[in-house]
Amino acid sequence: MTSPDGLVPVTVLGGYLGAGKTTLVNNLLTNNHGRRLAVLVNDFGAVNIDVDLIVSHDGDTISLKNGCVCCSISDALGESLDRVLALDPQPDQIVIEASGVADPAKIASYGYGWPGCRMDAVIVLADVETIQDKAKDQFVGELIIRQLRGADLVLVTKSDLVSEDALNSVICWAADIAAVPVTPVSHGDIDPKVVLDLSSFDLDAKWEPQTSHDADSIRSAEDMFETATLELSRPLDRSRLEEALALWPQDVMRVKGIVRFSEDCDCGAELHVVQRVGLRWSIEPTLPNTDLEDSGGRLMVVVRRAAVDATSLISGLVDG
């Protein structure tokens, strides 16, 4: 899937915390779409790929039998782009999973002029259950609206969790704000061509110059969050983690990680992906991760600053 101009097309996936970006990434990596993708992700541990598809996994990059690779954004975005552009063979397309509190159009404008790249599209995911409430939030509402208005396509995710009337209401609302096509999706299940073949990015149309008020609003939204990451020196007690996930307040905005449980230590010490969005949480087995082989894993929480102490919250899982 070579670009006529010889440049590698880049797709940016954006959307607020818990919108389902990593689920879509998993499906893009493992789908038989016939092109070599290089996917750049911040949260490498949450990528859950069928181990039978993995050719190699060195801690920074997962290489798959279908020619795709998944790479962590361990340094600056530009350095990560250079790293995947230097792969042999070169990828057919690059997909960037933006942070949930990032402005994807701003990331796209950065990658727009990067040597060897051509910006293809910005895809913004919106959680059907929470997007309208978040858009009215005094702290993050401005960011949510900017994310939607910077999109070339909006995917309304988790569409199986609401009624048809509720889904249609959100679709109409998002289409009115974004003024672009809006498509419902469940479990990241969508034809890859819908995401990868848009070729619709327009820098002038989608990247609006920020006023000082807009910039201050976005900085204020990001400043409202506190993030803490716990590097686990030993496996966690599963029941203790499950209790915490069920009881932590709504001010805990997001939980993501990859952990090992003490109950599994006598049978291979299997790694598990931990997710929590709002009050919905899950724990599922995941692929082996070589950079975590000798530890209990890694867990990250995002909380509303001043409402919850992120470090104390997450440290409480191993204290005592």
Protein backbone atom coordinates (compact mmCIF):
# COMPACT_ATOMS: atom_id res chain seq x y z
CA MET A 1 0.00 0.00 0.00
CA THR A 2 2.66 2.48 -1.16
CA SER A 3 1.75 6.15 -1.23
CA PRO A 4 2.06 7.69 -4.73
CA ASP A 5 4.32 10.41 -3.34
CA GLY A 6 6.61 7.90 -1.64
CA LEU A 7 5.62 9.15 1.83
CA VAL A 8 4.28 6.86 4.59
CA PRO A 9 0.70 7.83 5.53
CA VAL A 10 0.05 8.52 9.21
CA THR A 11 -3.26 8.10 11.05
CA VAL A 12 -3.79 9.62 14.51
CA LEU A 13 -6.25 7.95 16.89
CA GLY A 14 -7.55 10.31 19.57
CA GLY A 15 -10.33 10.48 22.13
CA TYR A 16 -10.79 10.98 25.84
CA LEU A 17 -9.63 8.53 28.50
CA GLY A 18 -11.29 5.11 28.15
CA ALA A 19 -12.84 5.73 24.73
CA GLY A 20 -11.51 2.42 23.38
CA LYS A 21 -8.40 3.46 21.44
CA THR A 22 -6.27 0.51 22.54
CA THR A 23 -9.04 -1.95 21.67
CA LEU A 24 -9.11 -0.53 18.14
CA VAL A 25 -5.31 -0.71 17.96
CA ASN A 26 -5.42 -4.40 18.92
CA ASN A 27 -7.85 -5.11 16.10
CA LEU A 28 -5.82 -3.15 13.55
CA LEU A 29 -2.66 -5.05 14.47
CA THR A 30 -4.21 -8.49 14.22
CA ASN A 31 -6.65 -7.98 11.33
CA ASN A 32 -5.73 -9.51 7.98
CA HIS A 33 -5.82 -6.22 6.04
CA GLY A 34 -2.76 -6.91 3.90
CA ARG A 35 -0.55 -4.01 4.91
CA ARG A 36 2.37 -3.59 7.30
CA LEU A 37 1.34 -1.23 10.07
CA ALA A 38 3.64 0.42 12.59
CA VAL A 39 1.54 1.37 15.60
CA LEU A 40 2.96 3.83 18.15
CA VAL A 41 1.40 3.59 21.61
CA ASN A 42 2.05 5.22 24.96
CA ASP A 43 0.73 2.33 27.04
CA PHE A 44 2.61 -0.62 25.55
CA GLY A 45 1.55 -3.09 28.24
CA ALA A 46 -2.16 -2.78 27.45
CA VAL A 47 -1.76 -4.10 23.90
CA ASN A 48 -3.21 -7.59 24.03
CA ILE A 49 -2.24 -9.61 20.96
CA ASP A 50 -2.73 -13.34 20.36
CA VAL A 51 0.64 -14.87 21.25
CA ASP A 52 0.44 -17.14 18.18
CA LEU A 53 0.79 -14.06 15.96
CA ILE A 54 4.00 -12.82 17.60
CA VAL A 55 7.31 -13.33 15.84
CA SER A 56 9.42 -11.45 18.38
CA HIS A 57 8.99 -9.20 21.40
CA ASP A 58 12.00 -7.30 22.71
CA GLY A 59 10.31 -5.04 25.24
CA ASP A 60 10.11 -1.99 22.94
CA THR A 61 8.64 -3.59 19.85
CA ILE A 62 6.27 -6.47 19.10
CA SER A 63 6.73 -7.92 15.62
CA LEU A 64 3.84 -9.92 14.16
CA LYS A 65 3.59 -12.61 11.50
CA ASN A 66 1.45 -10.33 9.32
CA GLY A 67 4.31 -7.81 9.06
CA CYS A 68 2.85 -5.33 11.54
CA VAL A 69 4.80 -3.97 14.49
CA CYS A 70 3.72 -2.28 17.72
CA CYS A 71 6.20 0.16 19.22
CA SER A 72 6.16 2.13 22.46
CA ILE A 73 6.55 5.90 22.34
CA SER A 74 9.43 5.81 24.77
CA ASP A 75 10.95 9.10 23.66
CA ALA A 76 9.75 12.14 21.73
CA LEU A 77 7.21 11.51 18.96
CA GLY A 78 9.66 12.60 16.27
CA GLU A 79 12.26 10.13 17.45
CA SER A 80 9.65 7.36 17.45
CA LEU A 81 8.59 8.26 13.90
CA ASP A 82 12.21 8.13 12.76
CA ARG A 83 12.62 4.74 14.43
CA VAL A 84 9.71 3.11 12.56
CA LEU A 85 10.56 4.84 9.27
CA ALA A 86 14.01 3.22 9.52
CA LEU A 87 12.51 -0.29 9.72
CA ASP A 88 13.34 -2.69 6.91
CA PRO A 89 10.96 -3.25 5.28
CA GLN A 90 9.44 0.15 5.85
CA PRO A 91 5.84 0.12 7.13
CA ASP A 92 2.99 0.80 4.72
CA GLN A 93 1.28 3.03 7.27
CA ILE A 94 1.85 4.47 10.75
CA VAL A 95 -0.88 4.69 13.39
CA ILE A 96 -0.37 6.91 16.45
CA GLU A 97 -2.50 6.29 19.54
CA ALA A 98 -2.70 9.69 21.25
CA SER A 99 -3.04 10.15 24.99
CA GLY A 100 -6.61 10.54 26.22
CA VAL A 101 -5.97 14.14 27.30
CA ALA A 102 -4.09 15.10 24.14
CA ASP A 103 -5.38 17.19 21.26
CA PRO A 104 -5.07 14.78 18.28
CA ALA A 105 -5.26 17.58 15.70
CA LYS A 106 -2.22 19.19 17.33
CA ILE A 107 -0.34 15.88 17.10
CA ALA A 108 -1.40 15.58 13.46
CA SER A 109 -0.08 19.05 12.69
CA TYR A 110 3.25 18.03 14.22
CA GLY A 111 3.47 14.85 12.16
CA TYR A 112 2.17 16.65 9.05
CA GLY A 113 5.57 18.02 8.11
CA TRP A 114 7.76 15.24 9.48
CA PRO A 115 10.27 14.00 6.85
CA GLY A 116 9.06 10.81 5.17
CA CYS A 117 5.45 11.13 6.44
CA ARG A 118 2.12 12.20 4.99
CA MET A 119 -0.77 12.83 7.35
CA ASP A 120 -3.77 10.72 6.30
CA ALA A 121 -6.48 11.39 8.89
CA VAL A 122 -7.42 12.06 12.50
CA ILE A 123 -9.85 9.52 13.98
CA VAL A 124 -11.50 10.45 17.28
CA LEU A 125 -13.22 7.84 19.44
CA ALA A 126 -16.11 8.81 21.71
CA ASP A 127 -17.55 6.62 24.48
CA VAL A 128 -21.30 6.52 23.86
CA GLU A 129 -22.07 6.30 27.59
CA THR A 130 -19.97 9.26 28.78
CA ILE A 131 -19.05 11.61 25.93
CA GLN A 132 -21.95 14.06 26.34
CA ASP A 133 -21.47 14.38 30.09
CA LYS A 134 -17.72 14.88 29.64
CA ALA A 135 -18.36 17.55 27.01
CA LYS A 136 -20.29 19.55 29.63
CA ASP A 137 -17.66 19.08 32.35
CA GLN A 138 -16.22 22.42 33.50
CA PHE A 139 -12.69 21.03 33.51
CA VAL A 140 -12.43 18.81 30.42
CA GLY A 141 -15.39 19.91 28.30
CA GLU A 142 -13.33 22.34 26.22
CA LEU A 143 -10.82 19.60 25.43
CA ILE A 144 -13.55 17.09 24.50
CA ILE A 145 -15.12 19.52 22.03
CA ARG A 146 -11.72 20.37 20.51
CA GLN A 147 -10.95 16.67 20.07
CA LEU A 148 -14.22 16.16 18.18
CA ARG A 149 -13.79 19.25 16.01
CA GLY A 150 -10.29 18.12 15.04
CA ALA A 151 -11.54 14.79 13.68
CA ASP A 152 -11.87 13.60 10.10
CA LEU A 153 -14.00 10.71 11.38
CA VAL A 154 -15.67 10.09 14.74
CA LEU A 155 -16.21 6.54 16.00
CA VAL A 156 -18.89 6.24 18.68
CA THR A 157 -17.64 3.29 20.71
CA LYS A 158 -19.30 0.75 23.02
CA SER A 159 -22.46 1.18 20.95
CA ASP A 160 -23.72 -2.22 22.11
CA LEU A 161 -24.13 -0.90 25.67
CA VAL A 162 -27.00 1.50 24.97
CA SER A 163 -30.39 1.44 23.26
CA GLU A 164 -30.75 2.26 19.57
CA ASP A 165 -32.43 5.56 20.41
CA ALA A 166 -29.65 6.57 22.79
CA LEU A 167 -27.01 5.61 20.22
CA ASN A 168 -28.68 7.61 17.45
CA SER A 169 -28.95 10.61 19.77
CA VAL A 170 -25.20 10.56 20.48
CA ILE A 171 -24.37 10.06 16.79
CA CYS A 172 -26.46 13.10 15.80
CA TRP A 173 -24.95 15.16 18.61
CA ALA A 174 -21.37 14.24 17.62
CA ALA A 175 -22.04 14.86 13.92
CA ASP A 176 -23.38 18.31 14.71
CA ILE A 177 -20.23 19.23 16.66
CA ALA A 178 -17.60 17.58 14.47
CA ALA A 179 -19.24 18.16 11.05
CA VAL A 180 -17.68 14.90 9.78
CA PRO A 181 -18.96 11.33 9.32
CA VAL A 182 -19.81 9.52 12.58
CA THR A 183 -19.84 5.71 12.76
CA PRO A 184 -20.88 3.43 15.65
CA VAL A 185 -18.50 0.63 16.67
CA SER A 186 -18.41 -2.09 19.33
CA HIS A 187 -15.29 -3.82 20.71
CA GLY A 188 -13.14 -2.03 18.12
CA ASP A 189 -14.69 -4.19 15.40
CA ILE A 190 -14.61 -2.13 12.20
CA ASP A 191 -13.42 -2.63 8.63
CA PRO A 192 -9.76 -1.46 8.71
CA LYS A 193 -10.27 0.39 5.43
CA VAL A 194 -12.70 2.74 7.18
CA VAL A 195 -9.88 3.84 9.48
CA LEU A 196 -6.84 3.51 7.25
CA ASP A 197 -8.01 4.76 3.84
CA LEU A 198 -9.55 8.16 4.58
CA SER A 199 -6.91 10.42 2.98
CA SER A 200 -8.91 13.37 4.24
CA PHE A 201 -6.56 15.38 6.45
CA ASP A 202 -6.64 19.11 5.73
CA LEU A 203 -4.25 21.10 7.90
CA ASP A 204 -5.94 24.43 7.25
CA ALA A 205 -9.46 23.09 7.87
CA LYS A 206 -8.74 20.97 10.94
CA TRP A 207 -5.98 22.75 12.83
CA GLU A 208 -7.46 26.01 14.06
CA PRO A 209 -5.03 28.54 15.55
CA GLN A 210 -5.48 28.59 19.30
CA THR A 211 -6.48 31.78 21.04
CA SER A 212 -4.81 32.33 24.39
CA HIS A 213 -8.14 31.48 26.03
CA ASP A 214 -8.32 28.15 24.16
CA ALA A 215 -4.75 27.28 25.06
CA ASP A 216 -5.31 28.16 28.70
CA SER A 217 -8.47 26.01 28.74
CA ILE A 218 -6.64 22.97 27.42
CA ARG A 219 -3.72 23.43 29.79
CA SER A 220 -6.20 23.81 32.66
CA ALA A 221 -7.92 20.56 31.66
CA GLU A 222 -4.64 18.66 31.56
CA ASP A 223 -3.52 20.25 34.82
CA MET A 224 -6.64 18.89 36.52
CA PHE A 225 -5.24 15.35 36.28
CA GLU A 226 -2.60 13.63 38.33
CA THR A 227 -0.99 10.42 37.11
CA ALA A 228 0.88 7.87 39.20
CA THR A 229 2.60 4.72 37.98
CA LEU A 230 3.47 1.86 40.29
CA GLU A 231 6.35 -0.43 39.32
CA LEU A 232 5.55 -3.66 41.13
CA SER A 233 8.49 -5.48 42.67
CA ARG A 234 6.29 -8.47 43.49
CA PRO A 235 2.93 -9.92 42.41
CA LEU A 236 -0.30 -8.36 43.68
CA ASP A 237 -3.03 -10.00 45.70
CA ARG A 238 -5.86 -10.33 43.17
CA SER A 239 -8.73 -9.98 45.63
CA ARG A 240 -7.19 -6.80 47.03
CA LEU A 241 -6.94 -5.27 43.56
CA GLU A 242 -10.48 -6.31 42.64
CA GLU A 243 -11.81 -4.74 45.83
CA ALA A 244 -9.95 -1.50 45.08
CA LEU A 245 -11.20 -1.35 41.49
CA ALA A 246 -14.77 -1.79 42.72
CA LEU A 247 -14.52 0.78 45.54
CA TRP A 248 -12.32 3.55 44.16
CA PRO A 249 -14.42 6.72 43.57
CA GLN A 250 -15.33 8.27 40.22
CA ASP A 251 -12.54 10.80 40.70
CA VAL A 252 -10.27 7.92 39.66
CA MET A 253 -10.66 8.65 35.97
CA ARG A 254 -8.62 5.81 34.47
CA VAL A 255 -6.69 2.69 35.52
CA LYS A 256 -4.47 0.77 33.09
CA GLY A 257 -1.72 -1.72 33.67
CA ILE A 258 -0.25 -5.14 33.29
CA VAL A 259 0.20 -7.14 36.49
CA ARG A 260 1.02 -10.54 37.89
CA PHE A 261 -0.97 -12.05 40.76
CA SER A 262 0.46 -13.91 43.76
CA GLU A 263 -2.11 -16.67 43.27
CA ASP A 264 -0.46 -17.53 39.92
CA CYS A 265 3.12 -17.81 41.15
CA ASP A 266 3.07 -21.61 41.19
CA CYS A 267 1.64 -21.96 37.68
CA GLY A 268 3.60 -19.76 35.31
CA ALA A 269 2.90 -16.33 36.85
CA GLU A 270 0.64 -15.25 33.99
CA LEU A 271 0.38 -11.55 33.24
CA HIS A 272 -2.99 -9.78 33.18
CA VAL A 273 -4.21 -6.51 31.68
CA VAL A 274 -6.08 -4.33 34.19
CA GLN A 275 -8.52 -1.69 32.91
CA ARG A 276 -10.94 0.68 34.59
CA VAL A 277 -12.97 3.43 32.94
CA GLY A 278 -15.41 5.24 35.20
CA LEU A 279 -16.86 2.49 37.39
CA ARG A 280 -16.46 -0.24 34.75
CA TRP A 281 -13.39 -2.46 35.21
CA SER A 282 -11.90 -5.70 33.90
CA ILE A 283 -8.94 -8.04 34.41
CA GLU A 284 -7.93 -10.25 31.48
CA PRO A 285 -4.93 -12.47 30.61
CA THR A 286 -2.43 -10.96 28.19
CA LEU A 287 0.66 -11.83 26.16
CA PRO A 288 4.09 -12.42 27.76
CA ASN A 289 6.00 -9.18 28.24
CA THR A 290 9.74 -9.69 28.44
CA ASP A 291 10.53 -6.38 30.13
CA LEU A 292 8.26 -7.40 33.03
CA GLU A 293 9.42 -11.01 33.40
CA ASP A 294 11.18 -10.45 36.72
CA SER A 295 8.65 -8.12 38.32
CA GLY A 296 5.07 -8.02 39.45
CA GLY A 297 4.14 -5.67 36.62
CA ARG A 298 3.17 -2.02 36.24
CA LEU A 299 -0.03 -0.14 37.09
CA MET A 300 -1.01 3.43 36.19
CA VAL A 301 -3.89 5.52 37.53
CA VAL A 302 -5.20 8.91 36.40
CA VAL A 303 -7.17 10.86 39.00
CA ARG A 304 -8.74 14.29 39.32
CA ARG A 305 -6.10 16.40 41.02
CA ALA A 306 -6.90 17.58 44.58
CA ALA A 307 -9.79 15.10 44.84
CA VAL A 308 -7.60 12.01 45.19
CA ASP A 309 -3.90 11.48 45.92
CA ALA A 310 -2.88 9.20 43.06
CA THR A 311 0.38 8.03 44.64
CA SER A 312 -1.21 7.12 47.99
CA LEU A 313 -4.11 5.42 46.22
CA ILE A 314 -1.98 3.13 44.11
CA SER A 315 0.64 2.52 46.81
CA GLY A 316 -2.14 1.25 49.05
CA LEU A 317 -2.28 -1.87 46.90
CA VAL A 318 1.09 -3.07 48.18
CA ASP A 319 1.38 -1.45 51.62
CA GLY A 320 1.09 -3.67 54.63
